[in-house]
Amino acid sequence: MSNAELESTLPFRMKLANEKATNTNLQSQLKSLGEQLVFEANARKQLEERFALFKSRDSPHESQKHRTSDIETSSRSGCPPFANAYRPSMQVLPRSCKLLDYYGANVAYGTLQQGGRASSEFYKILINEIVDVAENGPLEDVVAGEIILWEKSCTVFI
């Protein structure tokens, strides 16, 4: 092959190299989207399980059949379990706590309020400081000084 013929193929070789780079980039993006899809599917499955558990606790008869421990519930949700289990006979003192999202990230600091348990799954928390507010996140419309309900399996006492 002569130099002239070799030079005439240069635009095609450059186009081929660009196409290979684009293909590699698209494959990388596809792999990343696949991993994200798996992650979101697992998160959705956990939320569906939690919702089913929460829904089953609405009915007293169902609640007796499907009662689980705090540790089992928190291990499914990904939130670390808190150390001291609530007992109805215990006096609830204001306690500082850290609020976690479903992925275990710290989103706020607060104080457990008197009468602290709003239900079997939630605490009443006075928000002291918001650390992270994500768009469409659980604390998007919350301000410091507000009392909110927060899932007990995502509450860590400090």
C-alpha atoms as a PDB file:
ATOM      1  CA  MET A   1       0.000   0.000   0.000  1.00  0.00           C
ATOM      2  CA  SER A   2       1.383   3.383  -0.945  1.00  0.00           C
ATOM      3  CA  ASN A   3       1.588   6.455   1.254  1.00  0.00           C
ATOM      4  CA  ALA A   4      -1.139   8.148  -0.784  1.00  0.00           C
ATOM      5  CA  GLU A   5      -3.490   5.193  -0.316  1.00  0.00           C
ATOM      6  CA  LEU A   6      -2.698   5.042   3.402  1.00  0.00           C
ATOM      7  CA  GLU A   7      -3.355   8.774   3.799  1.00  0.00           C
ATOM      8  CA  SER A   8      -6.656   8.441   1.948  1.00  0.00           C
ATOM      9  CA  THR A   9      -7.876   5.974   4.619  1.00  0.00           C
ATOM     10  CA  LEU A  10      -7.017   8.333   7.497  1.00  0.00           C
ATOM     11  CA  PRO A  11     -10.496   9.966   7.766  1.00  0.00           C
ATOM     12  CA  PHE A  12     -12.113   6.515   7.855  1.00  0.00           C
ATOM     13  CA  ARG A  13      -9.678   5.259  10.495  1.00  0.00           C
ATOM     14  CA  MET A  14     -10.312   8.381  12.616  1.00  0.00           C
ATOM     15  CA  LYS A  15     -14.060   7.915  12.256  1.00  0.00           C
ATOM     16  CA  LEU A  16     -13.670   4.248  13.249  1.00  0.00           C
ATOM     17  CA  ALA A  17     -11.625   5.237  16.328  1.00  0.00           C
ATOM     18  CA  ASN A  18     -14.291   7.818  17.304  1.00  0.00           C
ATOM     19  CA  GLU A  19     -17.018   5.207  16.874  1.00  0.00           C
ATOM     20  CA  LYS A  20     -15.086   2.739  19.048  1.00  0.00           C
ATOM     21  CA  ALA A  21     -14.646   5.415  21.764  1.00  0.00           C
ATOM     22  CA  THR A  22     -18.356   6.278  21.570  1.00  0.00           C
ATOM     23  CA  ASN A  23     -19.255   2.578  21.754  1.00  0.00           C
ATOM     24  CA  THR A  24     -17.013   2.076  24.808  1.00  0.00           C
ATOM     25  CA  ASN A  25     -18.565   5.136  26.476  1.00  0.00           C
ATOM     26  CA  LEU A  26     -22.103   3.898  25.767  1.00  0.00           C
ATOM     27  CA  GLN A  27     -21.270   0.437  27.114  1.00  0.00           C
ATOM     28  CA  SER A  28     -19.923   2.032  30.296  1.00  0.00           C
ATOM     29  CA  GLN A  29     -23.091   4.120  30.675  1.00  0.00           C
ATOM     30  CA  LEU A  30     -25.257   1.042  30.059  1.00  0.00           C
ATOM     31  CA  LYS A  31     -23.373  -0.897  32.739  1.00  0.00           C
ATOM     32  CA  SER A  32     -23.778   2.003  35.178  1.00  0.00           C
ATOM     33  CA  LEU A  33     -27.514   2.239  34.449  1.00  0.00           C
ATOM     34  CA  GLY A  34     -27.847  -1.518  34.949  1.00  0.00           C
ATOM     35  CA  GLU A  35     -26.169  -1.279  38.351  1.00  0.00           C
ATOM     36  CA  GLN A  36     -28.388   1.672  39.271  1.00  0.00           C
ATOM     37  CA  LEU A  37     -31.476  -0.270  38.187  1.00  0.00           C
ATOM     38  CA  VAL A  38     -30.502  -3.219  40.391  1.00  0.00           C
ATOM     39  CA  PHE A  39     -29.874  -0.870  43.335  1.00  0.00           C
ATOM     40  CA  GLU A  40     -33.227   0.883  42.865  1.00  0.00           C
ATOM     41  CA  ALA A  41     -35.045  -2.436  42.442  1.00  0.00           C
ATOM     42  CA  ASN A  42     -33.582  -3.639  45.747  1.00  0.00           C
ATOM     43  CA  ALA A  43     -34.537  -0.359  47.443  1.00  0.00           C
ATOM     44  CA  ARG A  44     -38.071  -0.646  46.041  1.00  0.00           C
ATOM     45  CA  LYS A  45     -38.340  -4.248  47.244  1.00  0.00           C
ATOM     46  CA  GLN A  46     -37.275  -3.177  50.752  1.00  0.00           C
ATOM     47  CA  LEU A  47     -39.826  -0.370  50.747  1.00  0.00           C
ATOM     48  CA  GLU A  48     -42.564  -2.732  49.560  1.00  0.00           C
ATOM     49  CA  GLU A  49     -41.677  -5.186  52.344  1.00  0.00           C
ATOM     50  CA  ARG A  50     -41.747  -2.383  54.913  1.00  0.00           C
ATOM     51  CA  PHE A  51     -45.051  -1.111  53.558  1.00  0.00           C
ATOM     52  CA  ALA A  52     -46.562  -4.604  53.700  1.00  0.00           C
ATOM     53  CA  LEU A  53     -45.304  -4.983  57.274  1.00  0.00           C
ATOM     54  CA  PHE A  54     -46.669  -1.557  58.212  1.00  0.00           C
ATOM     55  CA  LYS A  55     -49.993  -2.299  56.489  1.00  0.00           C
ATOM     56  CA  SER A  56     -50.311  -5.668  58.246  1.00  0.00           C
ATOM     57  CA  ARG A  57     -49.843  -3.938  61.604  1.00  0.00           C
ATOM     58  CA  ASP A  58     -52.967  -1.842  60.946  1.00  0.00           C
ATOM     59  CA  SER A  59     -55.104  -4.877  61.728  1.00  0.00           C
ATOM     60  CA  PRO A  60     -54.811  -6.227  65.300  1.00  0.00           C
ATOM     61  CA  HIS A  61     -55.285  -9.815  64.100  1.00  0.00           C
ATOM     62  CA  GLU A  62     -52.623  -9.436  61.393  1.00  0.00           C
ATOM     63  CA  SER A  63     -50.300  -7.662  63.786  1.00  0.00           C
ATOM     64  CA  GLN A  64     -50.245 -10.725  66.057  1.00  0.00           C
ATOM     65  CA  LYS A  65     -49.412 -12.995  63.115  1.00  0.00           C
ATOM     66  CA  HIS A  66     -46.649 -10.857  61.627  1.00  0.00           C
ATOM     67  CA  ARG A  67     -44.976  -9.271  64.648  1.00  0.00           C
ATOM     68  CA  THR A  68     -41.192  -8.967  64.179  1.00  0.00           C
ATOM     69  CA  SER A  69     -38.416  -7.600  66.320  1.00  0.00           C
ATOM     70  CA  ASP A  70     -36.868  -4.151  65.903  1.00  0.00           C
ATOM     71  CA  ILE A  71     -33.610  -5.719  64.817  1.00  0.00           C
ATOM     72  CA  GLU A  72     -35.258  -7.802  62.083  1.00  0.00           C
ATOM     73  CA  THR A  73     -37.141  -4.772  60.795  1.00  0.00           C
ATOM     74  CA  SER A  74     -34.070  -2.550  60.814  1.00  0.00           C
ATOM     75  CA  SER A  75     -31.885  -5.149  59.115  1.00  0.00           C
ATOM     76  CA  ARG A  76     -34.358  -5.350  56.223  1.00  0.00           C
ATOM     77  CA  SER A  77     -34.528  -1.568  55.928  1.00  0.00           C
ATOM     78  CA  GLY A  78     -30.796  -1.049  55.994  1.00  0.00           C
ATOM     79  CA  CYS A  79     -31.064   1.272  59.003  1.00  0.00           C
ATOM     80  CA  PRO A  80     -29.035   0.348  62.053  1.00  0.00           C
ATOM     81  CA  PRO A  81     -31.148  -0.726  65.025  1.00  0.00           C
ATOM     82  CA  PHE A  82     -31.137   1.567  68.045  1.00  0.00           C
ATOM     83  CA  ALA A  83     -29.632   0.243  71.231  1.00  0.00           C
ATOM     84  CA  ASN A  84     -32.419   0.674  73.794  1.00  0.00           C
ATOM     85  CA  ALA A  85     -35.748  -0.930  72.987  1.00  0.00           C
ATOM     86  CA  TYR A  86     -38.787   1.025  74.127  1.00  0.00           C
ATOM     87  CA  ARG A  87     -40.851  -0.422  76.957  1.00  0.00           C
ATOM     88  CA  PRO A  88     -44.249   1.116  77.757  1.00  0.00           C
ATOM     89  CA  SER A  89     -43.440   1.229  81.475  1.00  0.00           C
ATOM     90  CA  MET A  90     -40.295   3.312  80.900  1.00  0.00           C
ATOM     91  CA  GLN A  91     -40.426   7.067  81.316  1.00  0.00           C
ATOM     92  CA  VAL A  92     -39.380   8.706  78.061  1.00  0.00           C
ATOM     93  CA  LEU A  93     -36.882  11.462  78.739  1.00  0.00           C
ATOM     94  CA  PRO A  94     -35.834  13.941  76.070  1.00  0.00           C
ATOM     95  CA  ARG A  95     -32.913  12.282  74.333  1.00  0.00           C
ATOM     96  CA  SER A  96     -30.705  13.545  71.554  1.00  0.00           C
ATOM     97  CA  CYS A  97     -30.752  11.491  68.399  1.00  0.00           C
ATOM     98  CA  LYS A  98     -29.449  11.288  64.900  1.00  0.00           C
ATOM     99  CA  LEU A  99     -31.954  10.747  62.069  1.00  0.00           C
ATOM    100  CA  LEU A 100     -30.896   8.490  59.204  1.00  0.00           C
ATOM    101  CA  ASP A 101     -32.377   8.015  55.756  1.00  0.00           C
ATOM    102  CA  TYR A 102     -33.131   4.527  54.388  1.00  0.00           C
ATOM    103  CA  TYR A 103     -29.559   4.225  53.157  1.00  0.00           C
ATOM    104  CA  GLY A 104     -28.068   4.942  56.597  1.00  0.00           C
ATOM    105  CA  ALA A 105     -26.906   8.490  55.829  1.00  0.00           C
ATOM    106  CA  ASN A 106     -27.293  11.101  58.591  1.00  0.00           C
ATOM    107  CA  VAL A 107     -29.901  13.693  57.535  1.00  0.00           C
ATOM    108  CA  ALA A 108     -30.656  15.533  60.807  1.00  0.00           C
ATOM    109  CA  TYR A 109     -30.199  15.802  64.568  1.00  0.00           C
ATOM    110  CA  GLY A 110     -33.142  16.006  66.921  1.00  0.00           C
ATOM    111  CA  THR A 111     -34.571  15.421  70.368  1.00  0.00           C
ATOM    112  CA  LEU A 112     -37.042  12.696  71.280  1.00  0.00           C
ATOM    113  CA  GLN A 113     -40.184  14.329  72.671  1.00  0.00           C
ATOM    114  CA  GLN A 114     -42.141  13.373  75.808  1.00  0.00           C
ATOM    115  CA  GLY A 115     -44.618  10.688  74.962  1.00  0.00           C
ATOM    116  CA  GLY A 116     -41.949  10.020  72.359  1.00  0.00           C
ATOM    117  CA  ARG A 117     -43.538   7.155  70.508  1.00  0.00           C
ATOM    118  CA  ALA A 118     -46.141   8.232  68.006  1.00  0.00           C
ATOM    119  CA  SER A 119     -46.898   4.613  67.075  1.00  0.00           C
ATOM    120  CA  SER A 120     -45.201   1.256  67.186  1.00  0.00           C
ATOM    121  CA  GLU A 121     -42.928   2.286  64.303  1.00  0.00           C
ATOM    122  CA  PHE A 122     -42.389   6.048  64.727  1.00  0.00           C
ATOM    123  CA  TYR A 123     -41.057   8.587  67.231  1.00  0.00           C
ATOM    124  CA  LYS A 124     -42.014  12.225  67.677  1.00  0.00           C
ATOM    125  CA  ILE A 125     -38.782  14.158  67.126  1.00  0.00           C
ATOM    126  CA  LEU A 126     -38.049  17.867  67.572  1.00  0.00           C
ATOM    127  CA  ILE A 127     -35.655  18.818  64.768  1.00  0.00           C
ATOM    128  CA  ASN A 128     -32.567  20.611  66.097  1.00  0.00           C
ATOM    129  CA  GLU A 129     -30.434  20.709  62.966  1.00  0.00           C
ATOM    130  CA  ILE A 130     -30.928  19.532  59.404  1.00  0.00           C
ATOM    131  CA  VAL A 131     -27.735  18.131  57.929  1.00  0.00           C
ATOM    132  CA  ASP A 132     -28.800  17.086  54.431  1.00  0.00           C
ATOM    133  CA  VAL A 133     -31.911  18.021  52.459  1.00  0.00           C
ATOM    134  CA  ALA A 134     -32.419  16.169  49.195  1.00  0.00           C
ATOM    135  CA  GLU A 135     -34.967  17.245  46.619  1.00  0.00           C
ATOM    136  CA  ASN A 136     -38.104  15.140  47.185  1.00  0.00           C
ATOM    137  CA  GLY A 137     -36.400  13.771  50.307  1.00  0.00           C
ATOM    138  CA  PRO A 138     -38.018  13.166  53.691  1.00  0.00           C
ATOM    139  CA  LEU A 139     -36.932  16.540  55.130  1.00  0.00           C
ATOM    140  CA  GLU A 140     -37.535  18.709  52.063  1.00  0.00           C
ATOM    141  CA  ASP A 141     -40.273  20.824  53.724  1.00  0.00           C
ATOM    142  CA  VAL A 142     -39.014  20.588  57.337  1.00  0.00           C
ATOM    143  CA  VAL A 143     -37.326  23.384  59.296  1.00  0.00           C
ATOM    144  CA  ALA A 144     -35.384  23.337  62.562  1.00  0.00           C
ATOM    145  CA  GLY A 145     -37.722  23.663  65.562  1.00  0.00           C
ATOM    146  CA  GLU A 146     -40.468  21.586  63.954  1.00  0.00           C
ATOM    147  CA  ILE A 147     -41.740  18.313  65.459  1.00  0.00           C
ATOM    148  CA  ILE A 148     -41.956  15.452  62.986  1.00  0.00           C
ATOM    149  CA  LEU A 149     -42.603  11.706  63.014  1.00  0.00           C
ATOM    150  CA  TRP A 150     -39.530   9.606  62.213  1.00  0.00           C
ATOM    151  CA  GLU A 151     -39.213   5.864  61.824  1.00  0.00           C
ATOM    152  CA  LYS A 152     -37.692   4.348  64.954  1.00  0.00           C
ATOM    153  CA  SER A 153     -35.483   1.931  63.020  1.00  0.00           C
ATOM    154  CA  CYS A 154     -33.806   4.965  61.416  1.00  0.00           C
ATOM    155  CA  THR A 155     -33.261   6.771  64.734  1.00  0.00           C
ATOM    156  CA  VAL A 156     -29.941   6.464  66.559  1.00  0.00           C
ATOM    157  CA  PHE A 157     -29.697   7.855  70.082  1.00  0.00           C
ATOM    158  CA  ILE A 158     -26.521   9.745  70.905  1.00  0.00           C
END
